[in-house]
mmCIF file of all heavy atoms, coordinates in Angstrom:
data_MODEL
# 
_entry.id   MODEL 
# 
loop_
_atom_site.group_PDB 
_atom_site.id 
_atom_site.type_symbol 
_atom_site.label_atom_id 
_atom_site.label_alt_id 
_atom_site.label_comp_id 
_atom_site.label_asym_id 
_atom_site.label_entity_id 
_atom_site.label_seq_id 
_atom_site.pdbx_PDB_ins_code 
_atom_site.Cartn_x 
_atom_site.Cartn_y 
_atom_site.Cartn_z 
_atom_site.occupancy 
_atom_site.B_iso_or_equiv 
_atom_site.pdbx_formal_charge 
_atom_site.auth_seq_id 
_atom_site.auth_comp_id 
_atom_site.auth_asym_id 
_atom_site.auth_atom_id 
_atom_site.pdbx_PDB_model_num 
ATOM 1   N N   . LEU A 1 1  ? 1.571   -65.702 17.319 1.00 0.00 ? 1  LEU A N   1 
ATOM 2   C CA  . LEU A 1 1  ? 0.241   -65.666 16.712 1.00 0.00 ? 1  LEU A CA  1 
ATOM 3   C C   . LEU A 1 1  ? -0.566  -64.468 17.201 1.00 0.00 ? 1  LEU A C   1 
ATOM 4   O O   . LEU A 1 1  ? -1.301  -63.851 16.426 1.00 0.00 ? 1  LEU A O   1 
ATOM 5   C CB  . LEU A 1 1  ? -0.515  -66.961 17.000 1.00 0.00 ? 1  LEU A CB  1 
ATOM 6   C CG  . LEU A 1 1  ? 0.003   -68.207 16.279 1.00 0.00 ? 1  LEU A CG  1 
ATOM 7   C CD1 . LEU A 1 1  ? -0.732  -69.439 16.755 1.00 0.00 ? 1  LEU A CD1 1 
ATOM 8   C CD2 . LEU A 1 1  ? -0.107  -68.050 14.781 1.00 0.00 ? 1  LEU A CD2 1 
ATOM 9   N N   . LYS A 1 2  ? -0.422  -64.119 18.471 1.00 0.00 ? 2  LYS A N   1 
ATOM 10  C CA  . LYS A 1 2  ? -1.117  -62.959 19.005 1.00 0.00 ? 2  LYS A CA  1 
ATOM 11  C C   . LYS A 1 2  ? -0.654  -61.682 18.286 1.00 0.00 ? 2  LYS A C   1 
ATOM 12  O O   . LYS A 1 2  ? -1.481  -60.828 17.928 1.00 0.00 ? 2  LYS A O   1 
ATOM 13  C CB  . LYS A 1 2  ? -0.853  -62.835 20.499 1.00 0.00 ? 2  LYS A CB  1 
ATOM 14  C CG  . LYS A 1 2  ? -1.565  -61.693 21.163 1.00 0.00 ? 2  LYS A CG  1 
ATOM 15  C CD  . LYS A 1 2  ? -1.242  -61.655 22.650 1.00 0.00 ? 2  LYS A CD  1 
ATOM 16  C CE  . LYS A 1 2  ? -1.854  -60.435 23.292 1.00 0.00 ? 2  LYS A CE  1 
ATOM 17  N NZ  . LYS A 1 2  ? -1.466  -60.301 24.695 1.00 0.00 ? 2  LYS A NZ  1 
ATOM 18  N N   . ASN A 1 3  ? 0.659   -61.572 18.048 1.00 0.00 ? 3  ASN A N   1 
ATOM 19  C CA  . ASN A 1 3  ? 1.176   -60.397 17.318 1.00 0.00 ? 3  ASN A CA  1 
ATOM 20  C C   . ASN A 1 3  ? 0.638   -60.341 15.896 1.00 0.00 ? 3  ASN A C   1 
ATOM 21  O O   . ASN A 1 3  ? 0.290   -59.276 15.393 1.00 0.00 ? 3  ASN A O   1 
ATOM 22  C CB  . ASN A 1 3  ? 2.713   -60.426 17.302 1.00 0.00 ? 3  ASN A CB  1 
ATOM 23  C CG  . ASN A 1 3  ? 3.299   -60.146 18.664 1.00 0.00 ? 3  ASN A CG  1 
ATOM 24  O OD1 . ASN A 1 3  ? 2.647   -59.556 19.514 1.00 0.00 ? 3  ASN A OD1 1 
ATOM 25  N ND2 . ASN A 1 3  ? 4.520   -60.583 18.869 1.00 0.00 ? 3  ASN A ND2 1 
ATOM 26  N N   . ILE A 1 4  ? 0.557   -61.494 15.242 1.00 0.00 ? 4  ILE A N   1 
ATOM 27  C CA  . ILE A 1 4  ? 0.039   -61.534 13.875 1.00 0.00 ? 4  ILE A CA  1 
ATOM 28  C C   . ILE A 1 4  ? -1.429  -61.107 13.853 1.00 0.00 ? 4  ILE A C   1 
ATOM 29  O O   . ILE A 1 4  ? -1.852  -60.316 13.017 1.00 0.00 ? 4  ILE A O   1 
ATOM 30  C CB  . ILE A 1 4  ? 0.212   -62.948 13.268 1.00 0.00 ? 4  ILE A CB  1 
ATOM 31  C CG1 . ILE A 1 4  ? 1.684   -63.213 13.009 1.00 0.00 ? 4  ILE A CG1 1 
ATOM 32  C CG2 . ILE A 1 4  ? -0.587  -63.094 11.988 1.00 0.00 ? 4  ILE A CG2 1 
ATOM 33  C CD1 . ILE A 1 4  ? 1.999   -64.615 12.592 1.00 0.00 ? 4  ILE A CD1 1 
ATOM 34  N N   . ILE A 1 5  ? -2.210  -61.612 14.806 1.00 0.00 ? 5  ILE A N   1 
ATOM 35  C CA  . ILE A 1 5  ? -3.631  -61.258 14.849 1.00 0.00 ? 5  ILE A CA  1 
ATOM 36  C C   . ILE A 1 5  ? -3.800  -59.773 15.132 1.00 0.00 ? 5  ILE A C   1 
ATOM 37  O O   . ILE A 1 5  ? -4.667  -59.111 14.540 1.00 0.00 ? 5  ILE A O   1 
ATOM 38  C CB  . ILE A 1 5  ? -4.355  -62.132 15.892 1.00 0.00 ? 5  ILE A CB  1 
ATOM 39  C CG1 . ILE A 1 5  ? -4.416  -63.561 15.380 1.00 0.00 ? 5  ILE A CG1 1 
ATOM 40  C CG2 . ILE A 1 5  ? -5.743  -61.597 16.191 1.00 0.00 ? 5  ILE A CG2 1 
ATOM 41  C CD1 . ILE A 1 5  ? -4.894  -64.577 16.398 1.00 0.00 ? 5  ILE A CD1 1 
ATOM 42  N N   . GLU A 1 6  ? -2.980  -59.210 16.026 1.00 0.00 ? 6  GLU A N   1 
ATOM 43  C CA  . GLU A 1 6  ? -3.058  -57.774 16.298 1.00 0.00 ? 6  GLU A CA  1 
ATOM 44  C C   . GLU A 1 6  ? -2.734  -56.960 15.046 1.00 0.00 ? 6  GLU A C   1 
ATOM 45  O O   . GLU A 1 6  ? -3.398  -55.971 14.753 1.00 0.00 ? 6  GLU A O   1 
ATOM 46  C CB  . GLU A 1 6  ? -2.115  -57.397 17.436 1.00 0.00 ? 6  GLU A CB  1 
ATOM 47  C CG  . GLU A 1 6  ? -2.581  -57.855 18.796 1.00 0.00 ? 6  GLU A CG  1 
ATOM 48  C CD  . GLU A 1 6  ? -1.557  -57.583 19.885 1.00 0.00 ? 6  GLU A CD  1 
ATOM 49  O OE1 . GLU A 1 6  ? -0.479  -57.031 19.577 1.00 0.00 ? 6  GLU A OE1 1 
ATOM 50  O OE2 . GLU A 1 6  ? -1.847  -57.929 21.042 1.00 0.00 ? 6  GLU A OE2 1 
ATOM 51  N N   . ASP A 1 7  ? -1.703  -57.385 14.295 1.00 0.00 ? 7  ASP A N   1 
ATOM 52  C CA  . ASP A 1 7  ? -1.360  -56.682 13.054 1.00 0.00 ? 7  ASP A CA  1 
ATOM 53  C C   . ASP A 1 7  ? -2.480  -56.766 12.042 1.00 0.00 ? 7  ASP A C   1 
ATOM 54  O O   . ASP A 1 7  ? -2.796  -55.790 11.356 1.00 0.00 ? 7  ASP A O   1 
ATOM 55  C CB  . ASP A 1 7  ? -0.075  -57.250 12.460 1.00 0.00 ? 7  ASP A CB  1 
ATOM 56  C CG  . ASP A 1 7  ? 1.159   -56.897 13.271 1.00 0.00 ? 7  ASP A CG  1 
ATOM 57  O OD1 . ASP A 1 7  ? 1.073   -55.958 14.091 1.00 0.00 ? 7  ASP A OD1 1 
ATOM 58  O OD2 . ASP A 1 7  ? 2.193   -57.561 13.086 1.00 0.00 ? 7  ASP A OD2 1 
ATOM 59  N N   . LEU A 1 8  ? -3.111  -57.939 11.938 1.00 0.00 ? 8  LEU A N   1 
ATOM 60  C CA  . LEU A 1 8  ? -4.229  -58.095 11.004 1.00 0.00 ? 8  LEU A CA  1 
ATOM 61  C C   . LEU A 1 8  ? -5.404  -57.218 11.411 1.00 0.00 ? 8  LEU A C   1 
ATOM 62  O O   . LEU A 1 8  ? -6.064  -56.617 10.555 1.00 0.00 ? 8  LEU A O   1 
ATOM 63  C CB  . LEU A 1 8  ? -4.661  -59.554 10.922 1.00 0.00 ? 8  LEU A CB  1 
ATOM 64  C CG  . LEU A 1 8  ? -3.679  -60.507 10.238 1.00 0.00 ? 8  LEU A CG  1 
ATOM 65  C CD1 . LEU A 1 8  ? -4.173  -61.933 10.346 1.00 0.00 ? 8  LEU A CD1 1 
ATOM 66  C CD2 . LEU A 1 8  ? -3.463  -60.121 8.805  1.00 0.00 ? 8  LEU A CD2 1 
ATOM 67  N N   . ASN A 1 9  ? -5.677  -57.135 12.716 1.00 0.00 ? 9  ASN A N   1 
ATOM 68  C CA  . ASN A 1 9  ? -6.757  -56.271 13.182 1.00 0.00 ? 9  ASN A CA  1 
ATOM 69  C C   . ASN A 1 9  ? -6.478  -54.815 12.847 1.00 0.00 ? 9  ASN A C   1 
ATOM 70  O O   . ASN A 1 9  ? -7.360  -54.074 12.421 1.00 0.00 ? 9  ASN A O   1 
ATOM 71  C CB  . ASN A 1 9  ? -6.967  -56.434 14.680 1.00 0.00 ? 9  ASN A CB  1 
ATOM 72  C CG  . ASN A 1 9  ? -7.721  -57.702 15.021 1.00 0.00 ? 9  ASN A CG  1 
ATOM 73  O OD1 . ASN A 1 9  ? -8.458  -58.215 14.186 1.00 0.00 ? 9  ASN A OD1 1 
ATOM 74  N ND2 . ASN A 1 9  ? -7.525  -58.206 16.222 1.00 0.00 ? 9  ASN A ND2 1 
ATOM 75  N N   . LYS A 1 10 ? -5.220  -54.378 13.025 1.00 0.00 ? 10 LYS A N   1 
ATOM 76  C CA  . LYS A 1 10 ? -4.854  -52.995 12.692 1.00 0.00 ? 10 LYS A CA  1 
ATOM 77  C C   . LYS A 1 10 ? -5.047  -52.749 11.209 1.00 0.00 ? 10 LYS A C   1 
ATOM 78  O O   . LYS A 1 10 ? -5.578  -51.710 10.797 1.00 0.00 ? 10 LYS A O   1 
ATOM 79  C CB  . LYS A 1 10 ? -3.408  -52.713 13.087 1.00 0.00 ? 10 LYS A CB  1 
ATOM 80  C CG  . LYS A 1 10 ? -3.199  -52.597 14.572 1.00 0.00 ? 10 LYS A CG  1 
ATOM 81  C CD  . LYS A 1 10 ? -1.734  -52.383 14.884 1.00 0.00 ? 10 LYS A CD  1 
ATOM 82  C CE  . LYS A 1 10 ? -1.461  -52.474 16.360 1.00 0.00 ? 10 LYS A CE  1 
ATOM 83  N NZ  . LYS A 1 10 ? -0.028  -52.401 16.656 1.00 0.00 ? 10 LYS A NZ  1 
ATOM 84  N N   . ASP A 1 11 ? -4.596  -53.708 10.362 1.00 0.00 ? 11 ASP A N   1 
ATOM 85  C CA  . ASP A 1 11 ? -4.761  -53.553 8.913  1.00 0.00 ? 11 ASP A CA  1 
ATOM 86  C C   . ASP A 1 11 ? -6.231  -53.498 8.549  1.00 0.00 ? 11 ASP A C   1 
ATOM 87  O O   . ASP A 1 11 ? -6.650  -52.698 7.716  1.00 0.00 ? 11 ASP A O   1 
ATOM 88  C CB  . ASP A 1 11 ? -4.091  -54.713 8.160  1.00 0.00 ? 11 ASP A CB  1 
ATOM 89  C CG  . ASP A 1 11 ? -2.588  -54.599 8.147  1.00 0.00 ? 11 ASP A CG  1 
ATOM 90  O OD1 . ASP A 1 11 ? -2.083  -53.510 8.462  1.00 0.00 ? 11 ASP A OD1 1 
ATOM 91  O OD2 . ASP A 1 11 ? -1.931  -55.604 7.814  1.00 0.00 ? 11 ASP A OD2 1 
ATOM 92  N N   . PHE A 1 12 ? -7.049  -54.349 9.177  1.00 0.00 ? 12 PHE A N   1 
ATOM 93  C CA  . PHE A 1 12 ? -8.478  -54.366 8.873  1.00 0.00 ? 12 PHE A CA  1 
ATOM 94  C C   . PHE A 1 12 ? -9.131  -53.050 9.281  1.00 0.00 ? 12 PHE A C   1 
ATOM 95  O O   . PHE A 1 12 ? -9.919  -52.486 8.526  1.00 0.00 ? 12 PHE A O   1 
ATOM 96  C CB  . PHE A 1 12 ? -9.151  -55.542 9.581  1.00 0.00 ? 12 PHE A CB  1 
ATOM 97  C CG  . PHE A 1 12 ? -10.630 -55.603 9.342  1.00 0.00 ? 12 PHE A CG  1 
ATOM 98  C CD1 . PHE A 1 12 ? -11.117 -56.020 8.124  1.00 0.00 ? 12 PHE A CD1 1 
ATOM 99  C CD2 . PHE A 1 12 ? -11.527 -55.243 10.326 1.00 0.00 ? 12 PHE A CD2 1 
ATOM 100 C CE1 . PHE A 1 12 ? -12.480 -56.077 7.876  1.00 0.00 ? 12 PHE A CE1 1 
ATOM 101 C CE2 . PHE A 1 12 ? -12.879 -55.286 10.106 1.00 0.00 ? 12 PHE A CE2 1 
ATOM 102 C CZ  . PHE A 1 12 ? -13.361 -55.710 8.876  1.00 0.00 ? 12 PHE A CZ  1 
ATOM 103 N N   . LEU A 1 13 ? -8.796  -52.555 10.459 1.00 0.00 ? 13 LEU A N   1 
ATOM 104 C CA  . LEU A 1 13 ? -9.379  -51.286 10.911 1.00 0.00 ? 13 LEU A CA  1 
ATOM 105 C C   . LEU A 1 13 ? -8.949  -50.128 10.030 1.00 0.00 ? 13 LEU A C   1 
ATOM 106 O O   . LEU A 1 13 ? -9.744  -49.231 9.732  1.00 0.00 ? 13 LEU A O   1 
ATOM 107 C CB  . LEU A 1 13 ? -9.015  -51.029 12.374 1.00 0.00 ? 13 LEU A CB  1 
ATOM 108 C CG  . LEU A 1 13 ? -9.675  -51.960 13.384 1.00 0.00 ? 13 LEU A CG  1 
ATOM 109 C CD1 . LEU A 1 13 ? -9.178  -51.665 14.779 1.00 0.00 ? 13 LEU A CD1 1 
ATOM 110 C CD2 . LEU A 1 13 ? -11.183 -51.848 13.316 1.00 0.00 ? 13 LEU A CD2 1 
ATOM 111 N N   . SER A 1 14 ? -7.685  -50.135 9.602  1.00 0.00 ? 14 SER A N   1 
ATOM 112 C CA  . SER A 1 14 ? -7.247  -49.055 8.703  1.00 0.00 ? 14 SER A CA  1 
ATOM 113 C C   . SER A 1 14 ? -7.963  -49.156 7.363  1.00 0.00 ? 14 SER A C   1 
ATOM 114 O O   . SER A 1 14 ? -8.321  -48.149 6.767  1.00 0.00 ? 14 SER A O   1 
ATOM 115 C CB  . SER A 1 14 ? -5.739  -49.092 8.526  1.00 0.00 ? 14 SER A CB  1 
ATOM 116 O OG  . SER A 1 14 ? -5.349  -50.250 7.833  1.00 0.00 ? 14 SER A OG  1 
ATOM 117 N N   . LEU A 1 15 ? -8.216  -50.362 6.880  1.00 0.00 ? 15 LEU A N   1 
ATOM 118 C CA  . LEU A 1 15 ? -8.961  -50.530 5.638  1.00 0.00 ? 15 LEU A CA  1 
ATOM 119 C C   . LEU A 1 15 ? -10.387 -50.023 5.781  1.00 0.00 ? 15 LEU A C   1 
ATOM 120 O O   . LEU A 1 15 ? -10.900 -49.336 4.909  1.00 0.00 ? 15 LEU A O   1 
ATOM 121 C CB  . LEU A 1 15 ? -8.966  -51.996 5.208  1.00 0.00 ? 15 LEU A CB  1 
ATOM 122 C CG  . LEU A 1 15 ? -9.828  -52.295 3.987  1.00 0.00 ? 15 LEU A CG  1 
ATOM 123 C CD1 . LEU A 1 15 ? -9.229  -51.653 2.757  1.00 0.00 ? 15 LEU A CD1 1 
ATOM 124 C CD2 . LEU A 1 15 ? -9.988  -53.770 3.800  1.00 0.00 ? 15 LEU A CD2 1 
ATOM 125 N N   . VAL A 1 16 ? -11.019 -50.348 6.902  1.00 0.00 ? 16 VAL A N   1 
ATOM 126 C CA  . VAL A 1 16 ? -12.381 -49.864 7.142  1.00 0.00 ? 16 VAL A CA  1 
ATOM 127 C C   . VAL A 1 16 ? -12.406 -48.349 7.183  1.00 0.00 ? 16 VAL A C   1 
ATOM 128 O O   . VAL A 1 16 ? -13.296 -47.701 6.608  1.00 0.00 ? 16 VAL A O   1 
ATOM 129 C CB  . VAL A 1 16 ? -12.958 -50.479 8.432  1.00 0.00 ? 16 VAL A CB  1 
ATOM 130 C CG1 . VAL A 1 16 ? -14.243 -49.794 8.835  1.00 0.00 ? 16 VAL A CG1 1 
ATOM 131 C CG2 . VAL A 1 16 ? -13.198 -51.977 8.253  1.00 0.00 ? 16 VAL A CG2 1 
ATOM 132 N N   . ASN A 1 17 ? -11.418 -47.743 7.837  1.00 0.00 ? 17 ASN A N   1 
ATOM 133 C CA  . ASN A 1 17 ? -11.344 -46.280 7.872  1.00 0.00 ? 17 ASN A CA  1 
ATOM 134 C C   . ASN A 1 17 ? -11.175 -45.702 6.475  1.00 0.00 ? 17 ASN A C   1 
ATOM 135 O O   . ASN A 1 17 ? -11.805 -44.697 6.122  1.00 0.00 ? 17 ASN A O   1 
ATOM 136 C CB  . ASN A 1 17 ? -10.193 -45.825 8.775  1.00 0.00 ? 17 ASN A CB  1 
ATOM 137 C CG  . ASN A 1 17 ? -10.492 -46.051 10.235 1.00 0.00 ? 17 ASN A CG  1 
ATOM 138 O OD1 . ASN A 1 17 ? -11.643 -46.118 10.631 1.00 0.00 ? 17 ASN A OD1 1 
ATOM 139 N ND2 . ASN A 1 17 ? -9.455  -46.173 11.032 1.00 0.00 ? 17 ASN A ND2 1 
ATOM 140 N N   . ILE A 1 18 ? -10.337 -46.322 5.668  1.00 0.00 ? 18 ILE A N   1 
ATOM 141 C CA  . ILE A 1 18 ? -10.112 -45.839 4.303  1.00 0.00 ? 18 ILE A CA  1 
ATOM 142 C C   . ILE A 1 18 ? -11.388 -45.975 3.493  1.00 0.00 ? 18 ILE A C   1 
ATOM 143 O O   . ILE A 1 18 ? -11.808 -45.052 2.787  1.00 0.00 ? 18 ILE A O   1 
ATOM 144 C CB  . ILE A 1 18 ? -8.955  -46.607 3.639  1.00 0.00 ? 18 ILE A CB  1 
ATOM 145 C CG1 . ILE A 1 18 ? -7.631  -46.220 4.279  1.00 0.00 ? 18 ILE A CG1 1 
ATOM 146 C CG2 . ILE A 1 18 ? -8.924  -46.364 2.135  1.00 0.00 ? 18 ILE A CG2 1 
ATOM 147 C CD1 . ILE A 1 18 ? -6.488  -47.114 3.917  1.00 0.00 ? 18 ILE A CD1 1 
ATOM 148 N N   . LEU A 1 19 ? -12.037 -47.130 3.613  1.00 0.00 ? 19 LEU A N   1 
ATOM 149 C CA  . LEU A 1 19 ? -13.259 -47.354 2.830  1.00 0.00 ? 19 LEU A CA  1 
ATOM 150 C C   . LEU A 1 19 ? -14.370 -46.401 3.261  1.00 0.00 ? 19 LEU A C   1 
ATOM 151 O O   . LEU A 1 19 ? -15.113 -45.897 2.426  1.00 0.00 ? 19 LEU A O   1 
ATOM 152 C CB  . LEU A 1 19 ? -13.705 -48.803 2.960  1.00 0.00 ? 19 LEU A CB  1 
ATOM 153 C CG  . LEU A 1 19 ? -12.824 -49.833 2.273  1.00 0.00 ? 19 LEU A CG  1 
ATOM 154 C CD1 . LEU A 1 19 ? -13.324 -51.235 2.567  1.00 0.00 ? 19 LEU A CD1 1 
ATOM 155 C CD2 . LEU A 1 19 ? -12.751 -49.602 0.782  1.00 0.00 ? 19 LEU A CD2 1 
ATOM 156 N N   . THR A 1 20 ? -14.504 -46.163 4.548  1.00 0.00 ? 20 THR A N   1 
ATOM 157 C CA  . THR A 1 20 ? -15.555 -45.244 4.991  1.00 0.00 ? 20 THR A CA  1 
ATOM 158 C C   . THR A 1 20 ? -15.245 -43.807 4.611  1.00 0.00 ? 20 THR A C   1 
ATOM 159 O O   . THR A 1 20 ? -16.147 -43.013 4.374  1.00 0.00 ? 20 THR A O   1 
ATOM 160 C CB  . THR A 1 20 ? -15.775 -45.342 6.513  1.00 0.00 ? 20 THR A CB  1 
ATOM 161 O OG1 . THR A 1 20 ? -14.534 -45.132 7.169  1.00 0.00 ? 20 THR A OG1 1 
ATOM 162 C CG2 . THR A 1 20 ? -16.367 -46.682 6.896  1.00 0.00 ? 20 THR A CG2 1 
ATOM 163 N N   . THR A 1 21 ? -13.956 -43.475 4.525  1.00 0.00 ? 21 THR A N   1 
ATOM 164 C CA  . THR A 1 21 ? -13.574 -42.121 4.140  1.00 0.00 ? 21 THR A CA  1 
ATOM 165 C C   . THR A 1 21 ? -13.898 -41.856 2.680  1.00 0.00 ? 21 THR A C   1 
ATOM 166 O O   . THR A 1 21 ? -14.439 -40.800 2.330  1.00 0.00 ? 21 THR A O   1 
ATOM 167 C CB  . THR A 1 21 ? -12.062 -41.901 4.373  1.00 0.00 ? 21 THR A CB  1 
ATOM 168 O OG1 . THR A 1 21 ? -11.784 -42.136 5.747  1.00 0.00 ? 21 THR A OG1 1 
ATOM 169 C CG2 . THR A 1 21 ? -11.665 -40.481 4.013  1.00 0.00 ? 21 THR A CG2 1 
ATOM 170 N N   . TYR A 1 22 ? -13.601 -42.817 1.801  1.00 0.00 ? 22 TYR A N   1 
ATOM 171 C CA  . TYR A 1 22 ? -13.755 -42.595 0.382  1.00 0.00 ? 22 TYR A CA  1 
ATOM 172 C C   . TYR A 1 22 ? -15.062 -43.116 -0.195 1.00 0.00 ? 22 TYR A C   1 
ATOM 173 O O   . TYR A 1 22 ? -15.370 -42.896 -1.359 1.00 0.00 ? 22 TYR A O   1 
ATOM 174 C CB  . TYR A 1 22 ? -12.594 -43.236 -0.385 1.00 0.00 ? 22 TYR A CB  1 
ATOM 175 C CG  . TYR A 1 22 ? -11.285 -42.580 -0.114 1.00 0.00 ? 22 TYR A CG  1 
ATOM 176 C CD1 . TYR A 1 22 ? -10.294 -43.214 0.627  1.00 0.00 ? 22 TYR A CD1 1 
ATOM 177 C CD2 . TYR A 1 22 ? -11.008 -41.302 -0.593 1.00 0.00 ? 22 TYR A CD2 1 
ATOM 178 C CE1 . TYR A 1 22 ? -9.081  -42.616 0.880  1.00 0.00 ? 22 TYR A CE1 1 
ATOM 179 C CE2 . TYR A 1 22 ? -9.806  -40.683 -0.346 1.00 0.00 ? 22 TYR A CE2 1 
ATOM 180 C CZ  . TYR A 1 22 ? -8.853  -41.354 0.386  1.00 0.00 ? 22 TYR A CZ  1 
ATOM 181 O OH  . TYR A 1 22 ? -7.656  -40.748 0.639  1.00 0.00 ? 22 TYR A OH  1 
ATOM 182 N N   . SER A 1 23 ? -15.819 -43.861 0.571  1.00 0.00 ? 23 SER A N   1 
ATOM 183 C CA  . SER A 1 23 ? -16.997 -44.510 0.034  1.00 0.00 ? 23 SER A CA  1 
ATOM 184 C C   . SER A 1 23 ? -18.191 -43.564 0.045  1.00 0.00 ? 23 SER A C   1 
ATOM 185 O O   . SER A 1 23 ? -18.371 -42.764 0.947  1.00 0.00 ? 23 SER A O   1 
ATOM 186 C CB  . SER A 1 23 ? -17.308 -45.753 0.851  1.00 0.00 ? 23 SER A CB  1 
ATOM 187 O OG  . SER A 1 23 ? -18.453 -46.366 0.339  1.00 0.00 ? 23 SER A OG  1 
ATOM 188 N N   . THR A 1 24 ? -19.015 -43.711 -0.988 1.00 0.00 ? 24 THR A N   1 
ATOM 189 C CA  . THR A 1 24 ? -20.261 -42.950 -1.025 1.00 0.00 ? 24 THR A CA  1 
ATOM 190 C C   . THR A 1 24 ? -21.400 -43.769 -0.445 1.00 0.00 ? 24 THR A C   1 
ATOM 191 O O   . THR A 1 24 ? -22.410 -43.224 -0.049 1.00 0.00 ? 24 THR A O   1 
ATOM 192 C CB  . THR A 1 24 ? -20.616 -42.564 -2.480 1.00 0.00 ? 24 THR A CB  1 
ATOM 193 O OG1 . THR A 1 24 ? -20.697 -43.753 -3.276 1.00 0.00 ? 24 THR A OG1 1 
ATOM 194 C CG2 . THR A 1 24 ? -19.556 -41.638 -3.059 1.00 0.00 ? 24 THR A CG2 1 
ATOM 195 N N   . GLN A 1 25 ? -21.241 -45.078 -0.393 1.00 0.00 ? 25 GLN A N   1 
ATOM 196 C CA  . GLN A 1 25 ? -22.225 -45.979 0.188  1.00 0.00 ? 25 GLN A CA  1 
ATOM 197 C C   . GLN A 1 25 ? -21.834 -46.299 1.615  1.00 0.00 ? 25 GLN A C   1 
ATOM 198 O O   . GLN A 1 25 ? -20.647 -46.461 1.896  1.00 0.00 ? 25 GLN A O   1 
ATOM 199 C CB  . GLN A 1 25 ? -22.298 -47.286 -0.621 1.00 0.00 ? 25 GLN A CB  1 
ATOM 200 C CG  . GLN A 1 25 ? -22.670 -47.089 -2.069 1.00 0.00 ? 25 GLN A CG  1 
ATOM 201 C CD  . GLN A 1 25 ? -24.153 -46.816 -2.202 1.00 0.00 ? 25 GLN A CD  1 
ATOM 202 O OE1 . GLN A 1 25 ? -24.945 -47.222 -1.392 1.00 0.00 ? 25 GLN A OE1 1 
ATOM 203 N NE2 . GLN A 1 25 ? -24.533 -46.110 -3.261 1.00 0.00 ? 25 GLN A NE2 1 
# 
């Protein structure tokens, strides 16, 4: 479960990075 949560956190952080890179808002 710890590994799954770490993977989800990485995916979430990469999504936030992508959204902040491409977002105008």
